[in-house]
Amino acid sequence: MIPRVSMRRRSAEVAPTEPMEKGNGKNQTNRICLLVSLSLFFWALLLYFHFVVLGSSNIDKQIQLQPSYDHSQPSSSISLRVDKFPLEPPSKPPKEPLVTNNKPILPPAPAANFSSTFKPPRIVDSGSEKQEFKFIRALKTVDNKSDPCGGKYIYVHDLPSRFNEDMLRDCKKLSLWTNMCKFTTNAGLGPPLENVEGVFSDEGWYATNQFAVDVIFSNRMKQYKCLTNDSSLAAAIFVPFYAGFDVARYLVGIQYLN
């Protein structure tokens, strides 16, 4: 009988804890519901502030900006529309009354073919004289068939002697190591080549210097048959400048000797 009593006491002692656990479970569910409702309320306030308060302020700004834009547009649009309107045709002057004479009315003349027979008249201005250039005389010499030099005249320009003849007199100073005087002989052709081995012919071969070409050409030009002292008749003008000898004096200077 003793063990039974002890079992009842334990069951009696354990029984009051069950309602406490049930109370704790209800409190936890209430707290969770409260947190969920608070979070929903916070997000509702946030969305309301964003869409209602901020959205209305943006709409007000757009409404304020639109009138200024609308007022600036009509001026151009109106001007374009006004320009597109067709102009009123000018009023026709009143027709004058026809004055009739007692002359017979002739039938119209037949139309002529102007495309093949009509030639526009030449307009001659007698007040202004036609300007004639100097080279026109040289061109007209070609038409002169009796002149064998027509269109072939050459005028030799008269240069100062320091550009040609003085260089030939000072031919020893043209080169530091070569005597250029021998290359000025035979009208610039130079001395004849010695045909020792029989390679060349006995005549027509010369030791010509490359800088003496201007001298050769100048001497050949002096032998030309159609020279003229009138530059307006000349078809060409020759300038006897010995550029080769002028360059040869400065090819080898003091800077190379040092």
C-alpha atoms as a PDB file:
ATOM      1  CA  MET A   1       0.000   0.000   0.000  1.00  0.00           C
ATOM      2  CA  ILE A   2       2.867   2.388   0.525  1.00  0.00           C
ATOM      3  CA  PRO A   3       4.031   2.474  -3.086  1.00  0.00           C
ATOM      4  CA  ARG A   4       0.620   3.516  -4.308  1.00  0.00           C
ATOM      5  CA  VAL A   5       0.581   6.559  -2.058  1.00  0.00           C
ATOM      6  CA  SER A   6       3.903   7.686  -3.372  1.00  0.00           C
ATOM      7  CA  MET A   7       2.770   7.434  -6.973  1.00  0.00           C
ATOM      8  CA  ARG A   8      -0.277   9.551  -6.301  1.00  0.00           C
ATOM      9  CA  ARG A   9       1.777  12.248  -4.659  1.00  0.00           C
ATOM     10  CA  ARG A  10       4.097  12.478  -7.647  1.00  0.00           C
ATOM     11  CA  SER A  11       1.216  12.693 -10.030  1.00  0.00           C
ATOM     12  CA  ALA A  12      -0.296  15.402  -7.886  1.00  0.00           C
ATOM     13  CA  GLU A  13       2.939  17.328  -7.892  1.00  0.00           C
ATOM     14  CA  VAL A  14       3.445  17.103 -11.669  1.00  0.00           C
ATOM     15  CA  ALA A  15      -0.086  18.062 -12.641  1.00  0.00           C
ATOM     16  CA  PRO A  16       0.133  21.899 -12.016  1.00  0.00           C
ATOM     17  CA  THR A  17       3.025  22.389 -14.585  1.00  0.00           C
ATOM     18  CA  GLU A  18       0.836  21.590 -17.614  1.00  0.00           C
ATOM     19  CA  PRO A  19      -1.276  24.765 -17.549  1.00  0.00           C
ATOM     20  CA  MET A  20       1.918  26.872 -17.212  1.00  0.00           C
ATOM     21  CA  GLU A  21       3.382  25.369 -20.385  1.00  0.00           C
ATOM     22  CA  LYS A  22       0.156  26.072 -22.251  1.00  0.00           C
ATOM     23  CA  GLY A  23       0.291  29.716 -21.114  1.00  0.00           C
ATOM     24  CA  ASN A  24       3.857  30.100 -22.348  1.00  0.00           C
ATOM     25  CA  GLY A  25       2.936  28.775 -25.815  1.00  0.00           C
ATOM     26  CA  LYS A  26       0.129  31.328 -26.158  1.00  0.00           C
ATOM     27  CA  ASN A  27       2.437  34.200 -25.182  1.00  0.00           C
ATOM     28  CA  GLN A  28       4.983  33.237 -27.871  1.00  0.00           C
ATOM     29  CA  THR A  29       2.340  33.142 -30.591  1.00  0.00           C
ATOM     30  CA  ASN A  30       1.047  36.561 -29.497  1.00  0.00           C
ATOM     31  CA  ARG A  31       4.540  38.036 -29.698  1.00  0.00           C
ATOM     32  CA  ILE A  32       5.077  36.644 -33.198  1.00  0.00           C
ATOM     33  CA  CYS A  33       1.771  38.082 -34.367  1.00  0.00           C
ATOM     34  CA  LEU A  34       2.677  41.453 -32.841  1.00  0.00           C
ATOM     35  CA  LEU A  35       6.049  41.530 -34.636  1.00  0.00           C
ATOM     36  CA  VAL A  36       4.445  40.589 -37.940  1.00  0.00           C
ATOM     37  CA  SER A  37       1.788  43.277 -37.589  1.00  0.00           C
ATOM     38  CA  LEU A  38       4.430  45.905 -36.677  1.00  0.00           C
ATOM     39  CA  SER A  39       6.562  45.003 -39.687  1.00  0.00           C
ATOM     40  CA  LEU A  40       3.541  45.162 -41.996  1.00  0.00           C
ATOM     41  CA  PHE A  41       2.585  48.548 -40.560  1.00  0.00           C
ATOM     42  CA  PHE A  42       6.147  49.846 -41.083  1.00  0.00           C
ATOM     43  CA  TRP A  43       6.242  48.729 -44.716  1.00  0.00           C
ATOM     44  CA  ALA A  44       2.775  50.155 -45.315  1.00  0.00           C
ATOM     45  CA  LEU A  45       3.947  53.551 -44.002  1.00  0.00           C
ATOM     46  CA  LEU A  46       7.106  53.360 -46.142  1.00  0.00           C
ATOM     47  CA  LEU A  47       5.195  52.540 -49.329  1.00  0.00           C
ATOM     48  CA  TYR A  48       2.616  55.229 -48.581  1.00  0.00           C
ATOM     49  CA  PHE A  49       5.343  57.861 -48.146  1.00  0.00           C
ATOM     50  CA  HIS A  50       7.073  56.798 -51.345  1.00  0.00           C
ATOM     51  CA  PHE A  51       4.087  56.620 -53.693  1.00  0.00           C
ATOM     52  CA  VAL A  52       1.786  59.253 -52.203  1.00  0.00           C
ATOM     53  CA  VAL A  53       4.029  61.977 -50.777  1.00  0.00           C
ATOM     54  CA  LEU A  54       7.002  61.788 -53.162  1.00  0.00           C
ATOM     55  CA  GLY A  55       4.859  60.927 -56.191  1.00  0.00           C
ATOM     56  CA  SER A  56       2.613  63.970 -55.718  1.00  0.00           C
ATOM     57  CA  SER A  57       5.637  66.314 -55.451  1.00  0.00           C
ATOM     58  CA  ASN A  58       7.049  65.014 -58.784  1.00  0.00           C
ATOM     59  CA  ILE A  59       3.694  65.513 -60.486  1.00  0.00           C
ATOM     60  CA  ASP A  60       3.561  69.124 -59.224  1.00  0.00           C
ATOM     61  CA  LYS A  61       7.027  69.817 -60.660  1.00  0.00           C
ATOM     62  CA  GLN A  62       6.020  68.405 -64.036  1.00  0.00           C
ATOM     63  CA  ILE A  63       2.904  70.550 -64.073  1.00  0.00           C
ATOM     64  CA  GLN A  64       5.024  73.651 -63.352  1.00  0.00           C
ATOM     65  CA  LEU A  65       7.528  72.844 -66.138  1.00  0.00           C
ATOM     66  CA  GLN A  66       4.954  72.101 -68.834  1.00  0.00           C
ATOM     67  CA  PRO A  67       3.549  75.650 -69.215  1.00  0.00           C
ATOM     68  CA  SER A  68       7.009  77.145 -69.937  1.00  0.00           C
ATOM     69  CA  TYR A  69       7.615  74.538 -72.618  1.00  0.00           C
ATOM     70  CA  ASP A  70       4.181  74.965 -74.111  1.00  0.00           C
ATOM     71  CA  HIS A  71       4.573  78.762 -74.288  1.00  0.00           C
ATOM     72  CA  SER A  72       7.865  78.480 -76.169  1.00  0.00           C
ATOM     73  CA  GLN A  73       6.510  76.184 -78.857  1.00  0.00           C
ATOM     74  CA  PRO A  74       3.575  78.051 -80.399  1.00  0.00           C
ATOM     75  CA  SER A  75       5.789  80.823 -81.855  1.00  0.00           C
ATOM     76  CA  SER A  76       7.637  78.437 -84.154  1.00  0.00           C
ATOM     77  CA  SER A  77       4.627  76.316 -84.952  1.00  0.00           C
ATOM     78  CA  ILE A  78       2.521  79.374 -85.754  1.00  0.00           C
ATOM     79  CA  SER A  79       5.225  80.823 -87.995  1.00  0.00           C
ATOM     80  CA  LEU A  80       5.455  77.572 -89.902  1.00  0.00           C
ATOM     81  CA  ARG A  81       1.751  77.380 -90.369  1.00  0.00           C
ATOM     82  CA  VAL A  82       1.548  80.953 -91.569  1.00  0.00           C
ATOM     83  CA  ASP A  83       4.319  80.318 -94.099  1.00  0.00           C
ATOM     84  CA  LYS A  84       2.463  77.319 -95.483  1.00  0.00           C
ATOM     85  CA  PHE A  85      -0.604  79.371 -96.340  1.00  0.00           C
ATOM     86  CA  PRO A  86      -0.652  80.166-100.070  1.00  0.00           C
ATOM     87  CA  LEU A  87      -0.212  83.798-100.941  1.00  0.00           C
ATOM     88  CA  GLU A  88      -3.169  85.565-102.316  1.00  0.00           C
ATOM     89  CA  PRO A  89      -2.909  85.970-106.066  1.00  0.00           C
ATOM     90  CA  PRO A  90      -2.283  89.559-107.110  1.00  0.00           C
ATOM     91  CA  SER A  91      -5.302  91.370-108.193  1.00  0.00           C
ATOM     92  CA  LYS A  92      -5.508  91.603-111.937  1.00  0.00           C
ATOM     93  CA  PRO A  93      -5.563  95.135-113.331  1.00  0.00           C
ATOM     94  CA  PRO A  94      -8.780  96.127-114.987  1.00  0.00           C
ATOM     95  CA  LYS A  95      -8.819  95.408-118.640  1.00  0.00           C
ATOM     96  CA  GLU A  96      -8.534  98.454-120.796  1.00  0.00           C
ATOM     97  CA  PRO A  97     -11.144  98.836-123.456  1.00  0.00           C
ATOM     98  CA  LEU A  98      -9.986  97.713-126.832  1.00  0.00           C
ATOM     99  CA  VAL A  99      -9.410 100.470-129.311  1.00  0.00           C
ATOM    100  CA  THR A 100     -10.405  99.307-132.713  1.00  0.00           C
ATOM    101  CA  ASN A 101      -9.287 100.969-135.861  1.00  0.00           C
ATOM    102  CA  ASN A 102     -10.691 100.545-139.273  1.00  0.00           C
ATOM    103  CA  LYS A 103      -7.653  98.488-140.356  1.00  0.00           C
ATOM    104  CA  PRO A 104      -8.070  94.970-141.701  1.00  0.00           C
ATOM    105  CA  ILE A 105      -6.852  92.158-139.466  1.00  0.00           C
ATOM    106  CA  LEU A 106      -4.081  90.220-141.187  1.00  0.00           C
ATOM    107  CA  PRO A 107      -3.664  86.472-140.631  1.00  0.00           C
ATOM    108  CA  PRO A 108      -0.598  85.405-138.612  1.00  0.00           C
ATOM    109  CA  ALA A 109       2.570  84.702-140.567  1.00  0.00           C
ATOM    110  CA  PRO A 110       3.725  81.087-140.771  1.00  0.00           C
ATOM    111  CA  ALA A 111       6.297  80.118-138.143  1.00  0.00           C
ATOM    112  CA  ALA A 112       9.790  79.685-139.537  1.00  0.00           C
ATOM    113  CA  ASN A 113      12.206  77.002-138.483  1.00  0.00           C
ATOM    114  CA  PHE A 114      14.583  79.080-136.332  1.00  0.00           C
ATOM    115  CA  SER A 115      16.571  76.059-135.140  1.00  0.00           C
ATOM    116  CA  SER A 116      18.256  75.556-138.524  1.00  0.00           C
ATOM    117  CA  THR A 117      18.252  78.988-140.200  1.00  0.00           C
ATOM    118  CA  PHE A 118      18.440  81.504-137.359  1.00  0.00           C
ATOM    119  CA  LYS A 119      21.879  82.861-136.463  1.00  0.00           C
ATOM    120  CA  PRO A 120      22.283  85.300-133.578  1.00  0.00           C
ATOM    121  CA  PRO A 121      23.743  88.635-134.668  1.00  0.00           C
ATOM    122  CA  ARG A 122      27.250  89.482-133.604  1.00  0.00           C
ATOM    123  CA  ILE A 123      27.491  92.246-131.069  1.00  0.00           C
ATOM    124  CA  VAL A 124      30.371  94.549-131.933  1.00  0.00           C
ATOM    125  CA  ASP A 125      31.400  97.048-129.309  1.00  0.00           C
ATOM    126  CA  SER A 126      33.023  99.857-131.225  1.00  0.00           C
ATOM    127  CA  GLY A 127      33.864 101.811-128.080  1.00  0.00           C
ATOM    128  CA  SER A 128      36.215  99.236-126.471  1.00  0.00           C
ATOM    129  CA  GLU A 129      39.318  98.150-128.367  1.00  0.00           C
ATOM    130  CA  LYS A 130      40.433  94.523-128.210  1.00  0.00           C
ATOM    131  CA  GLN A 131      43.534  94.109-126.058  1.00  0.00           C
ATOM    132  CA  GLU A 132      46.408  92.461-127.904  1.00  0.00           C
ATOM    133  CA  PHE A 133      49.133  90.707-125.929  1.00  0.00           C
ATOM    134  CA  LYS A 134      52.776  90.622-126.959  1.00  0.00           C
ATOM    135  CA  PHE A 135      52.914  86.897-127.582  1.00  0.00           C
ATOM    136  CA  ILE A 136      50.208  87.238-130.249  1.00  0.00           C
ATOM    137  CA  ARG A 137      52.888  88.461-132.655  1.00  0.00           C
ATOM    138  CA  ALA A 138      54.882  85.270-132.107  1.00  0.00           C
ATOM    139  CA  LEU A 139      51.800  83.177-132.843  1.00  0.00           C
ATOM    140  CA  LYS A 140      51.081  85.093-136.030  1.00  0.00           C
ATOM    141  CA  THR A 141      54.541  84.307-137.425  1.00  0.00           C
ATOM    142  CA  VAL A 142      53.428  80.687-137.876  1.00  0.00           C
ATOM    143  CA  ASP A 143      50.877  81.801-140.474  1.00  0.00           C
ATOM    144  CA  ASN A 144      53.562  83.541-142.520  1.00  0.00           C
ATOM    145  CA  LYS A 145      54.476  80.776-144.960  1.00  0.00           C
ATOM    146  CA  SER A 146      57.045  82.931-146.739  1.00  0.00           C
ATOM    147  CA  ASP A 147      59.167  83.180-143.567  1.00  0.00           C
ATOM    148  CA  PRO A 148      61.203  79.957-143.022  1.00  0.00           C
ATOM    149  CA  CYS A 149      61.705  80.882-139.349  1.00  0.00           C
ATOM    150  CA  GLY A 150      58.012  81.546-138.694  1.00  0.00           C
ATOM    151  CA  GLY A 151      57.182  80.173-135.244  1.00  0.00           C
ATOM    152  CA  LYS A 152      60.839  79.113-134.700  1.00  0.00           C
ATOM    153  CA  TYR A 153      62.492  82.307-133.488  1.00  0.00           C
ATOM    154  CA  ILE A 154      64.562  82.110-130.292  1.00  0.00           C
ATOM    155  CA  TYR A 155      65.617  85.082-128.213  1.00  0.00           C
ATOM    156  CA  VAL A 156      68.888  84.805-126.218  1.00  0.00           C
ATOM    157  CA  HIS A 157      68.637  86.663-122.948  1.00  0.00           C
ATOM    158  CA  ASP A 158      71.526  89.012-122.199  1.00  0.00           C
ATOM    159  CA  LEU A 159      72.860  87.989-118.774  1.00  0.00           C
ATOM    160  CA  PRO A 160      75.699  89.715-116.927  1.00  0.00           C
ATOM    161  CA  SER A 161      79.095  88.182-117.668  1.00  0.00           C
ATOM    162  CA  ARG A 162      79.553  86.872-114.129  1.00  0.00           C
ATOM    163  CA  PHE A 163      76.960  84.194-114.895  1.00  0.00           C
ATOM    164  CA  ASN A 164      78.805  82.777-117.908  1.00  0.00           C
ATOM    165  CA  GLU A 165      81.917  84.350-119.468  1.00  0.00           C
ATOM    166  CA  ASP A 166      83.654  85.216-116.192  1.00  0.00           C
ATOM    167  CA  MET A 167      83.487  81.557-115.152  1.00  0.00           C
ATOM    168  CA  LEU A 168      85.360  80.555-118.310  1.00  0.00           C
ATOM    169  CA  ARG A 169      88.073  83.132-117.633  1.00  0.00           C
ATOM    170  CA  ASP A 170      88.492  81.833-114.074  1.00  0.00           C
ATOM    171  CA  CYS A 171      88.315  78.176-115.108  1.00  0.00           C
ATOM    172  CA  LYS A 172      91.330  77.313-112.916  1.00  0.00           C
ATOM    173  CA  LYS A 173      89.341  78.260-109.807  1.00  0.00           C
ATOM    174  CA  LEU A 174      86.349  76.061-110.602  1.00  0.00           C
ATOM    175  CA  SER A 175      87.863  72.960-108.968  1.00  0.00           C
ATOM    176  CA  LEU A 176      90.596  72.516-106.353  1.00  0.00           C
ATOM    177  CA  TRP A 177      92.194  69.397-107.843  1.00  0.00           C
ATOM    178  CA  THR A 178      91.127  69.424-111.502  1.00  0.00           C
ATOM    179  CA  ASN A 179      92.087  71.894-114.202  1.00  0.00           C
ATOM    180  CA  MET A 180      88.721  72.685-115.749  1.00  0.00           C
ATOM    181  CA  CYS A 181      90.207  74.878-118.478  1.00  0.00           C
ATOM    182  CA  LYS A 182      90.869  71.927-120.759  1.00  0.00           C
ATOM    183  CA  PHE A 183      87.183  70.983-120.613  1.00  0.00           C
ATOM    184  CA  THR A 184      86.153  74.405-121.949  1.00  0.00           C
ATOM    185  CA  THR A 185      87.972  73.886-125.268  1.00  0.00           C
ATOM    186  CA  ASN A 186      86.232  72.803-128.476  1.00  0.00           C
ATOM    187  CA  ALA A 187      83.111  74.813-127.542  1.00  0.00           C
ATOM    188  CA  GLY A 188      82.780  72.962-124.230  1.00  0.00           C
ATOM    189  CA  LEU A 189      83.317  69.455-125.627  1.00  0.00           C
ATOM    190  CA  GLY A 190      86.791  69.187-124.112  1.00  0.00           C
ATOM    191  CA  PRO A 191      89.949  67.644-125.563  1.00  0.00           C
ATOM    192  CA  PRO A 192      89.581  64.812-128.098  1.00  0.00           C
ATOM    193  CA  LEU A 193      90.080  61.285-126.776  1.00  0.00           C
ATOM    194  CA  GLU A 194      93.244  59.452-127.737  1.00  0.00           C
ATOM    195  CA  ASN A 195      92.397  56.305-129.642  1.00  0.00           C
ATOM    196  CA  VAL A 196      95.411  54.299-128.503  1.00  0.00           C
ATOM    197  CA  GLU A 197      93.829  50.855-128.476  1.00  0.00           C
ATOM    198  CA  GLY A 198      91.538  51.499-131.424  1.00  0.00           C
ATOM    199  CA  VAL A 199      88.355  51.273-129.377  1.00  0.00           C
ATOM    200  CA  PHE A 200      86.926  54.591-130.624  1.00  0.00           C
ATOM    201  CA  SER A 201      86.876  56.195-134.025  1.00  0.00           C
ATOM    202  CA  ASP A 202      89.501  58.789-134.835  1.00  0.00           C
ATOM    203  CA  GLU A 203      87.014  61.678-134.895  1.00  0.00           C
ATOM    204  CA  GLY A 204      83.976  62.693-132.854  1.00  0.00           C
ATOM    205  CA  TRP A 205      85.071  61.485-129.394  1.00  0.00           C
ATOM    206  CA  TYR A 206      85.894  64.029-126.672  1.00  0.00           C
ATOM    207  CA  ALA A 207      86.727  63.985-122.968  1.00  0.00           C
ATOM    208  CA  THR A 208      83.702  66.004-121.879  1.00  0.00           C
ATOM    209  CA  ASN A 209      83.067  67.038-118.277  1.00  0.00           C
ATOM    210  CA  GLN A 210      79.562  66.712-116.895  1.00  0.00           C
ATOM    211  CA  PHE A 211      79.557  70.322-115.667  1.00  0.00           C
ATOM    212  CA  ALA A 212      80.294  71.714-119.162  1.00  0.00           C
ATOM    213  CA  VAL A 213      76.944  70.759-120.694  1.00  0.00           C
ATOM    214  CA  ASP A 214      75.660  74.342-120.346  1.00  0.00           C
ATOM    215  CA  VAL A 215      78.693  75.623-122.273  1.00  0.00           C
ATOM    216  CA  ILE A 216      78.043  73.148-125.099  1.00  0.00           C
ATOM    217  CA  PHE A 217      74.378  74.076-125.331  1.00  0.00           C
ATOM    218  CA  SER A 218      75.150  77.817-125.269  1.00  0.00           C
ATOM    219  CA  ASN A 219      77.655  77.521-128.125  1.00  0.00           C
ATOM    220  CA  ARG A 220      75.212  75.454-130.171  1.00  0.00           C
ATOM    221  CA  MET A 221      72.536  78.076-129.592  1.00  0.00           C
ATOM    222  CA  LYS A 222      74.819  80.778-131.011  1.00  0.00           C
ATOM    223  CA  GLN A 223      74.892  78.810-134.285  1.00  0.00           C
ATOM    224  CA  TYR A 224      71.088  78.695-134.520  1.00  0.00           C
ATOM    225  CA  LYS A 225      69.806  80.306-137.730  1.00  0.00           C
ATOM    226  CA  CYS A 226      66.531  81.726-136.384  1.00  0.00           C
ATOM    227  CA  LEU A 227      67.793  83.993-133.606  1.00  0.00           C
ATOM    228  CA  THR A 228      65.987  87.277-133.050  1.00  0.00           C
ATOM    229  CA  ASN A 229      66.582  90.433-131.056  1.00  0.00           C
ATOM    230  CA  ASP A 230      62.828  91.006-130.641  1.00  0.00           C
ATOM    231  CA  SER A 231      61.524  88.949-127.732  1.00  0.00           C
ATOM    232  CA  SER A 232      57.898  89.453-128.850  1.00  0.00           C
ATOM    233  CA  LEU A 233      58.569  87.385-131.991  1.00  0.00           C
ATOM    234  CA  ALA A 234      60.356  84.563-130.169  1.00  0.00           C
ATOM    235  CA  ALA A 235      58.728  81.187-129.660  1.00  0.00           C
ATOM    236  CA  ALA A 236      61.255  80.449-126.881  1.00  0.00           C
ATOM    237  CA  ILE A 237      63.756  82.356-124.741  1.00  0.00           C
ATOM    238  CA  PHE A 238      67.188  80.933-123.930  1.00  0.00           C
ATOM    239  CA  VAL A 239      69.053  81.983-120.770  1.00  0.00           C
ATOM    240  CA  PRO A 240      72.844  81.332-121.100  1.00  0.00           C
ATOM    241  CA  PHE A 241      73.585  80.575-117.451  1.00  0.00           C
ATOM    242  CA  TYR A 242      76.408  78.112-116.755  1.00  0.00           C
ATOM    243  CA  ALA A 243      74.768  76.425-113.790  1.00  0.00           C
ATOM    244  CA  GLY A 244      77.093  73.395-113.899  1.00  0.00           C
ATOM    245  CA  PHE A 245      80.258  75.443-113.406  1.00  0.00           C
ATOM    246  CA  ASP A 246      78.512  77.542-110.772  1.00  0.00           C
ATOM    247  CA  VAL A 247      77.697  74.421-108.744  1.00  0.00           C
ATOM    248  CA  ALA A 248      81.151  72.894-109.254  1.00  0.00           C
ATOM    249  CA  ARG A 249      82.779  75.769-107.370  1.00  0.00           C
ATOM    250  CA  TYR A 250      80.912  74.887-104.171  1.00  0.00           C
ATOM    251  CA  LEU A 251      80.828  71.087-104.261  1.00  0.00           C
ATOM    252  CA  VAL A 252      84.173  70.795-102.460  1.00  0.00           C
ATOM    253  CA  GLY A 253      84.663  73.547 -99.907  1.00  0.00           C
ATOM    254  CA  ILE A 254      86.878  74.354 -96.962  1.00  0.00           C
ATOM    255  CA  GLN A 255      84.851  72.119 -94.632  1.00  0.00           C
ATOM    256  CA  TYR A 256      85.958  69.047 -96.618  1.00  0.00           C
ATOM    257  CA  LEU A 257      89.624  70.075 -96.553  1.00  0.00           C
ATOM    258  CA  ASN A 258      89.621  70.446 -92.774  1.00  0.00           C
END
